[in-house]
Amino acid sequence: MFEQVRKKIATLLGIDESKIKMQSRFTEDLKADSLDIVQMLIALEDDFGVEFSDDEINNWKTVGDIVKYLENIK
């Protein structure tokens, strides 16, 4: 699951996959702005066939937060 999420984020942000870790924070570590984050979440929803709620999204700070969520619903 992490590999799939990491690959998608790397593609969307135009960064090397090796820079993305489970503990990577979106804005601080990956330098994603709010538009980047929205695009990333939409792409992940499409890829995994899920719909994220605002409550869930507001609690996510790291790549690992998304991975854990996706692992729990699959």
PDB file of N, CA and C in Angstrom:
ATOM      1  N   MET A   1       0.828  -1.196   0.000  1.00  0.00           N
ATOM      2  CA  MET A   1       0.000   0.000   0.000  1.00  0.00           C
ATOM      3  C   MET A   1       0.875   1.265   0.000  1.00  0.00           C
ATOM      4  N   PHE A   2       1.900   1.272   0.855  1.00  0.00           N
ATOM      5  CA  PHE A   2       2.779   2.443   0.926  1.00  0.00           C
ATOM      6  C   PHE A   2       3.421   2.720  -0.423  1.00  0.00           C
ATOM      7  N   GLU A   3       3.873   1.677  -1.095  1.00  0.00           N
ATOM      8  CA  GLU A   3       4.537   1.857  -2.385  1.00  0.00           C
ATOM      9  C   GLU A   3       3.599   2.508  -3.406  1.00  0.00           C
ATOM     10  N   GLN A   4       2.350   2.090  -3.432  1.00  0.00           N
ATOM     11  CA  GLN A   4       1.381   2.667  -4.365  1.00  0.00           C
ATOM     12  C   GLN A   4       1.126   4.137  -4.059  1.00  0.00           C
ATOM     13  N   VAL A   5       0.948   4.448  -2.787  1.00  0.00           N
ATOM     14  CA  VAL A   5       0.697   5.826  -2.378  1.00  0.00           C
ATOM     15  C   VAL A   5       1.929   6.678  -2.660  1.00  0.00           C
ATOM     16  N   ARG A   6       3.087   6.170  -2.335  1.00  0.00           N
ATOM     17  CA  ARG A   6       4.335   6.917  -2.552  1.00  0.00           C
ATOM     18  C   ARG A   6       4.537   7.227  -4.035  1.00  0.00           C
ATOM     19  N   LYS A   7       4.289   6.244  -4.881  1.00  0.00           N
ATOM     20  CA  LYS A   7       4.461   6.435  -6.324  1.00  0.00           C
ATOM     21  C   LYS A   7       3.531   7.533  -6.836  1.00  0.00           C
ATOM     22  N   LYS A   8       2.269   7.511  -6.410  1.00  0.00           N
ATOM     23  CA  LYS A   8       1.294   8.516  -6.839  1.00  0.00           C
ATOM     24  C   LYS A   8       1.705   9.908  -6.360  1.00  0.00           C
ATOM     25  N   ILE A   9       2.107  10.022  -5.103  1.00  0.00           N
ATOM     26  CA  ILE A   9       2.511  11.324  -4.565  1.00  0.00           C
ATOM     27  C   ILE A   9       3.746  11.846  -5.293  1.00  0.00           C
ATOM     28  N   ALA A  10       4.714  10.981  -5.537  1.00  0.00           N
ATOM     29  CA  ALA A  10       5.935  11.392  -6.235  1.00  0.00           C
ATOM     30  C   ALA A  10       5.623  11.913  -7.630  1.00  0.00           C
ATOM     31  N   THR A  11       4.737  11.218  -8.326  1.00  0.00           N
ATOM     32  CA  THR A  11       4.349  11.638  -9.675  1.00  0.00           C
ATOM     33  C   THR A  11       3.654  12.995  -9.642  1.00  0.00           C
ATOM     34  N   LEU A  12       2.704  13.147  -8.736  1.00  0.00           N
ATOM     35  CA  LEU A  12       1.935  14.392  -8.660  1.00  0.00           C
ATOM     36  C   LEU A  12       2.781  15.589  -8.237  1.00  0.00           C
ATOM     37  N   LEU A  13       3.714  15.359  -7.324  1.00  0.00           N
ATOM     38  CA  LEU A  13       4.536  16.463  -6.821  1.00  0.00           C
ATOM     39  C   LEU A  13       5.826  16.643  -7.617  1.00  0.00           C
ATOM     40  N   GLY A  14       6.104  15.698  -8.509  1.00  0.00           N
ATOM     41  CA  GLY A  14       7.322  15.789  -9.315  1.00  0.00           C
ATOM     42  C   GLY A  14       8.586  15.655  -8.493  1.00  0.00           C
ATOM     43  N   ILE A  15       8.555  14.745  -7.502  1.00  0.00           N
ATOM     44  CA  ILE A  15       9.739  14.526  -6.667  1.00  0.00           C
ATOM     45  C   ILE A  15      10.140  13.057  -6.714  1.00  0.00           C
ATOM     46  N   ASP A  16      11.339  12.774  -6.280  1.00  0.00           N
ATOM     47  CA  ASP A  16      11.856  11.404  -6.254  1.00  0.00           C
ATOM     48  C   ASP A  16      11.146  10.595  -5.178  1.00  0.00           C
ATOM     49  N   GLU A  17      10.751   9.381  -5.531  1.00  0.00           N
ATOM     50  CA  GLU A  17      10.051   8.511  -4.570  1.00  0.00           C
ATOM     51  C   GLU A  17      10.852   8.284  -3.294  1.00  0.00           C
ATOM     52  N   SER A  18      12.158   8.229  -3.420  1.00  0.00           N
ATOM     53  CA  SER A  18      12.997   7.934  -2.254  1.00  0.00           C
ATOM     54  C   SER A  18      12.904   9.018  -1.178  1.00  0.00           C
ATOM     55  N   LYS A  19      12.422  10.197  -1.540  1.00  0.00           N
ATOM     56  CA  LYS A  19      12.277  11.286  -0.560  1.00  0.00           C
ATOM     57  C   LYS A  19      11.009  11.152   0.270  1.00  0.00           C
ATOM     58  N   ILE A  20      10.134  10.237  -0.117  1.00  0.00           N
ATOM     59  CA  ILE A  20       8.852  10.090   0.562  1.00  0.00           C
ATOM     60  C   ILE A  20       8.910   8.911   1.530  1.00  0.00           C
ATOM     61  N   LYS A  21       8.711   9.195   2.781  1.00  0.00           N
ATOM     62  CA  LYS A  21       8.714   8.197   3.853  1.00  0.00           C
ATOM     63  C   LYS A  21       7.337   8.174   4.508  1.00  0.00           C
ATOM     64  N   MET A  22       7.082   7.177   5.317  1.00  0.00           N
ATOM     65  CA  MET A  22       5.805   7.111   6.043  1.00  0.00           C
ATOM     66  C   MET A  22       5.610   8.351   6.917  1.00  0.00           C
ATOM     67  N   GLN A  23       6.677   8.849   7.502  1.00  0.00           N
ATOM     68  CA  GLN A  23       6.575   9.987   8.421  1.00  0.00           C
ATOM     69  C   GLN A  23       6.678  11.341   7.721  1.00  0.00           C
ATOM     70  N   SER A  24       6.784  11.348   6.385  1.00  0.00           N
ATOM     71  CA  SER A  24       6.877  12.612   5.650  1.00  0.00           C
ATOM     72  C   SER A  24       5.600  13.423   5.813  1.00  0.00           C
ATOM     73  N   ARG A  25       5.790  14.695   6.192  1.00  0.00           N
ATOM     74  CA  ARG A  25       4.663  15.616   6.316  1.00  0.00           C
ATOM     75  C   ARG A  25       4.465  16.320   4.967  1.00  0.00           C
ATOM     76  N   PHE A  26       3.229  16.547   4.599  1.00  0.00           N
ATOM     77  CA  PHE A  26       2.930  17.067   3.271  1.00  0.00           C
ATOM     78  C   PHE A  26       3.534  18.438   3.000  1.00  0.00           C
ATOM     79  N   THR A  27       3.259  19.392   3.850  1.00  0.00           N
ATOM     80  CA  THR A  27       3.747  20.740   3.576  1.00  0.00           C
ATOM     81  C   THR A  27       5.188  20.945   4.015  1.00  0.00           C
ATOM     82  N   GLU A  28       5.518  20.456   5.187  1.00  0.00           N
ATOM     83  CA  GLU A  28       6.852  20.708   5.725  1.00  0.00           C
ATOM     84  C   GLU A  28       7.951  19.918   5.005  1.00  0.00           C
ATOM     85  N   ASP A  29       7.726  18.632   4.771  1.00  0.00           N
ATOM     86  CA  ASP A  29       8.765  17.782   4.192  1.00  0.00           C
ATOM     87  C   ASP A  29       8.675  17.664   2.668  1.00  0.00           C
ATOM     88  N   LEU A  30       7.452  17.596   2.148  1.00  0.00           N
ATOM     89  CA  LEU A  30       7.277  17.376   0.710  1.00  0.00           C
ATOM     90  C   LEU A  30       7.015  18.672  -0.054  1.00  0.00           C
ATOM     91  N   LYS A  31       6.903  19.770   0.680  1.00  0.00           N
ATOM     92  CA  LYS A  31       6.710  21.106   0.092  1.00  0.00           C
ATOM     93  C   LYS A  31       5.462  21.203  -0.773  1.00  0.00           C
ATOM     94  N   ALA A  32       4.415  20.479  -0.373  1.00  0.00           N
ATOM     95  CA  ALA A  32       3.147  20.518  -1.096  1.00  0.00           C
ATOM     96  C   ALA A  32       2.317  21.695  -0.599  1.00  0.00           C
ATOM     97  N   ASP A  33       1.720  22.419  -1.537  1.00  0.00           N
ATOM     98  CA  ASP A  33       0.816  23.486  -1.118  1.00  0.00           C
ATOM     99  C   ASP A  33      -0.606  22.928  -1.072  1.00  0.00           C
ATOM    100  N   SER A  34      -1.563  23.765  -0.726  1.00  0.00           N
ATOM    101  CA  SER A  34      -2.928  23.271  -0.537  1.00  0.00           C
ATOM    102  C   SER A  34      -3.517  22.701  -1.831  1.00  0.00           C
ATOM    103  N   LEU A  35      -3.203  23.299  -2.971  1.00  0.00           N
ATOM    104  CA  LEU A  35      -3.697  22.775  -4.248  1.00  0.00           C
ATOM    105  C   LEU A  35      -3.082  21.410  -4.540  1.00  0.00           C
ATOM    106  N   ASP A  36      -1.785  21.261  -4.267  1.00  0.00           N
ATOM    107  CA  ASP A  36      -1.120  19.961  -4.440  1.00  0.00           C
ATOM    108  C   ASP A  36      -1.811  18.884  -3.610  1.00  0.00           C
ATOM    109  N   ILE A  37      -2.135  19.225  -2.380  1.00  0.00           N
ATOM    110  CA  ILE A  37      -2.747  18.258  -1.468  1.00  0.00           C
ATOM    111  C   ILE A  37      -4.134  17.862  -1.961  1.00  0.00           C
ATOM    112  N   VAL A  38      -4.912  18.828  -2.413  1.00  0.00           N
ATOM    113  CA  VAL A  38      -6.245  18.522  -2.932  1.00  0.00           C
ATOM    114  C   VAL A  38      -6.143  17.605  -4.150  1.00  0.00           C
ATOM    115  N   GLN A  39      -5.252  17.927  -5.079  1.00  0.00           N
ATOM    116  CA  GLN A  39      -5.064  17.096  -6.270  1.00  0.00           C
ATOM    117  C   GLN A  39      -4.614  15.687  -5.897  1.00  0.00           C
ATOM    118  N   MET A  40      -3.727  15.598  -4.927  1.00  0.00           N
ATOM    119  CA  MET A  40      -3.222  14.304  -4.476  1.00  0.00           C
ATOM    120  C   MET A  40      -4.363  13.467  -3.881  1.00  0.00           C
ATOM    121  N   LEU A  41      -5.197  14.074  -3.051  1.00  0.00           N
ATOM    122  CA  LEU A  41      -6.299  13.349  -2.425  1.00  0.00           C
ATOM    123  C   LEU A  41      -7.321  12.888  -3.459  1.00  0.00           C
ATOM    124  N   ILE A  42      -7.615  13.736  -4.437  1.00  0.00           N
ATOM    125  CA  ILE A  42      -8.549  13.353  -5.497  1.00  0.00           C
ATOM    126  C   ILE A  42      -7.987  12.168  -6.290  1.00  0.00           C
ATOM    127  N   ALA A  43      -6.711  12.229  -6.632  1.00  0.00           N
ATOM    128  CA  ALA A  43      -6.084  11.143  -7.384  1.00  0.00           C
ATOM    129  C   ALA A  43      -6.089   9.842  -6.592  1.00  0.00           C
ATOM    130  N   LEU A  44      -5.818   9.924  -5.294  1.00  0.00           N
ATOM    131  CA  LEU A  44      -5.822   8.722  -4.450  1.00  0.00           C
ATOM    132  C   LEU A  44      -7.232   8.164  -4.310  1.00  0.00           C
ATOM    133  N   GLU A  45      -8.222   9.029  -4.196  1.00  0.00           N
ATOM    134  CA  GLU A  45      -9.612   8.561  -4.147  1.00  0.00           C
ATOM    135  C   GLU A  45      -9.950   7.783  -5.420  1.00  0.00           C
ATOM    136  N   ASP A  46      -9.565   8.338  -6.561  1.00  0.00           N
ATOM    137  CA  ASP A  46      -9.827   7.674  -7.844  1.00  0.00           C
ATOM    138  C   ASP A  46      -9.095   6.341  -7.939  1.00  0.00           C
ATOM    139  N   ASP A  47      -7.825   6.335  -7.573  1.00  0.00           N
ATOM    140  CA  ASP A  47      -7.006   5.117  -7.680  1.00  0.00           C
ATOM    141  C   ASP A  47      -7.508   3.991  -6.786  1.00  0.00           C
ATOM    142  N   PHE A  48      -7.954   4.340  -5.583  1.00  0.00           N
ATOM    143  CA  PHE A  48      -8.331   3.324  -4.606  1.00  0.00           C
ATOM    144  C   PHE A  48      -9.844   3.129  -4.487  1.00  0.00           C
ATOM    145  N   GLY A  49     -10.614   3.902  -5.251  1.00  0.00           N
ATOM    146  CA  GLY A  49     -12.061   3.747  -5.229  1.00  0.00           C
ATOM    147  C   GLY A  49     -12.687   4.069  -3.884  1.00  0.00           C
ATOM    148  N   VAL A  50     -12.179   5.105  -3.240  1.00  0.00           N
ATOM    149  CA  VAL A  50     -12.701   5.513  -1.932  1.00  0.00           C
ATOM    150  C   VAL A  50     -13.078   6.992  -1.980  1.00  0.00           C
ATOM    151  N   GLU A  51     -13.754   7.437  -0.937  1.00  0.00           N
ATOM    152  CA  GLU A  51     -14.055   8.854  -0.791  1.00  0.00           C
ATOM    153  C   GLU A  51     -13.673   9.270   0.618  1.00  0.00           C
ATOM    154  N   PHE A  52     -12.751  10.200   0.707  1.00  0.00           N
ATOM    155  CA  PHE A  52     -12.273  10.671   2.008  1.00  0.00           C
ATOM    156  C   PHE A  52     -13.231  11.721   2.548  1.00  0.00           C
ATOM    157  N   SER A  53     -13.532  11.648   3.837  1.00  0.00           N
ATOM    158  CA  SER A  53     -14.366  12.679   4.456  1.00  0.00           C
ATOM    159  C   SER A  53     -13.487  13.824   4.939  1.00  0.00           C
ATOM    160  N   ASP A  54     -14.098  14.981   5.073  1.00  0.00           N
ATOM    161  CA  ASP A  54     -13.356  16.153   5.548  1.00  0.00           C
ATOM    162  C   ASP A  54     -12.766  15.917   6.933  1.00  0.00           C
ATOM    163  N   ASP A  55     -13.497  15.214   7.794  1.00  0.00           N
ATOM    164  CA  ASP A  55     -13.005  14.941   9.143  1.00  0.00           C
ATOM    165  C   ASP A  55     -11.715  14.125   9.095  1.00  0.00           C
ATOM    166  N   GLU A  56     -11.691  13.117   8.237  1.00  0.00           N
ATOM    167  CA  GLU A  56     -10.484  12.284   8.105  1.00  0.00           C
ATOM    168  C   GLU A  56      -9.325  13.107   7.569  1.00  0.00           C
ATOM    169  N   ILE A  57      -9.586  13.829   6.504  1.00  0.00           N
ATOM    170  CA  ILE A  57      -8.538  14.619   5.852  1.00  0.00           C
ATOM    171  C   ILE A  57      -7.924  15.625   6.822  1.00  0.00           C
ATOM    172  N   ASN A  58      -8.743  16.266   7.613  1.00  0.00           N
ATOM    173  CA  ASN A  58      -8.251  17.289   8.543  1.00  0.00           C
ATOM    174  C   ASN A  58      -7.312  16.724   9.606  1.00  0.00           C
ATOM    175  N   ASN A  59      -7.395  15.423   9.862  1.00  0.00           N
ATOM    176  CA  ASN A  59      -6.536  14.795  10.863  1.00  0.00           C
ATOM    177  C   ASN A  59      -5.233  14.252  10.282  1.00  0.00           C
ATOM    178  N   TRP A  60      -5.128  14.202   8.974  1.00  0.00           N
ATOM    179  CA  TRP A  60      -3.931  13.635   8.337  1.00  0.00           C
ATOM    180  C   TRP A  60      -2.830  14.673   8.225  1.00  0.00           C
ATOM    181  N   LYS A  61      -1.662  14.296   8.702  1.00  0.00           N
ATOM    182  CA  LYS A  61      -0.497  15.176   8.629  1.00  0.00           C
ATOM    183  C   LYS A  61       0.656  14.546   7.847  1.00  0.00           C
ATOM    184  N   THR A  62       0.659  13.210   7.775  1.00  0.00           N
ATOM    185  CA  THR A  62       1.770  12.505   7.140  1.00  0.00           C
ATOM    186  C   THR A  62       1.278  11.526   6.076  1.00  0.00           C
ATOM    187  N   VAL A  63       2.199  11.077   5.254  1.00  0.00           N
ATOM    188  CA  VAL A  63       1.905  10.050   4.267  1.00  0.00           C
ATOM    189  C   VAL A  63       1.395   8.799   4.979  1.00  0.00           C
ATOM    190  N   GLY A  64       2.000   8.469   6.098  1.00  0.00           N
ATOM    191  CA  GLY A  64       1.597   7.304   6.875  1.00  0.00           C
ATOM    192  C   GLY A  64       0.147   7.355   7.324  1.00  0.00           C
ATOM    193  N   ASP A  65      -0.364   8.546   7.590  1.00  0.00           N
ATOM    194  CA  ASP A  65      -1.768   8.679   7.988  1.00  0.00           C
ATOM    195  C   ASP A  65      -2.691   8.187   6.876  1.00  0.00           C
ATOM    196  N   ILE A  66      -2.378   8.543   5.644  1.00  0.00           N
ATOM    197  CA  ILE A  66      -3.191   8.101   4.501  1.00  0.00           C
ATOM    198  C   ILE A  66      -3.040   6.603   4.291  1.00  0.00           C
ATOM    199  N   VAL A  67      -1.805   6.120   4.362  1.00  0.00           N
ATOM    200  CA  VAL A  67      -1.554   4.686   4.162  1.00  0.00           C
ATOM    201  C   VAL A  67      -2.319   3.867   5.193  1.00  0.00           C
ATOM    202  N   LYS A  68      -2.254   4.262   6.454  1.00  0.00           N
ATOM    203  CA  LYS A  68      -2.956   3.528   7.516  1.00  0.00           C
ATOM    204  C   LYS A  68      -4.459   3.527   7.271  1.00  0.00           C
ATOM    205  N   TYR A  69      -5.007   4.662   6.857  1.00  0.00           N
ATOM    206  CA  TYR A  69      -6.427   4.734   6.559  1.00  0.00           C
ATOM    207  C   TYR A  69      -6.791   3.750   5.442  1.00  0.00           C
ATOM    208  N   LEU A  70      -6.027   3.788   4.353  1.00  0.00           N
ATOM    209  CA  LEU A  70      -6.318   2.920   3.214  1.00  0.00           C
ATOM    210  C   LEU A  70      -6.172   1.446   3.576  1.00  0.00           C
ATOM    211  N   GLU A  71      -5.196   1.105   4.402  1.00  0.00           N
ATOM    212  CA  GLU A  71      -5.017  -0.273   4.830  1.00  0.00           C
ATOM    213  C   GLU A  71      -6.199  -0.747   5.680  1.00  0.00           C
ATOM    214  N   ASN A  72      -6.745   0.148   6.469  1.00  0.00           N
ATOM    215  CA  ASN A  72      -7.864  -0.217   7.346  1.00  0.00           C
ATOM    216  C   ASN A  72      -9.184  -0.417   6.614  1.00  0.00           C
ATOM    217  N   ILE A  73      -9.352   0.226   5.464  1.00  0.00           N
ATOM    218  CA  ILE A  73     -10.616   0.082   4.752  1.00  0.00           C
ATOM    219  C   ILE A  73     -10.577  -0.983   3.667  1.00  0.00           C
ATOM    220  N   LYS A  74      -9.395  -1.442   3.320  1.00  0.00           N
ATOM    221  CA  LYS A  74      -9.278  -2.468   2.256  1.00  0.00           C
ATOM    222  C   LYS A  74      -9.358  -3.862   2.819  1.00  0.00           C
TER     223      LYS A  74
END
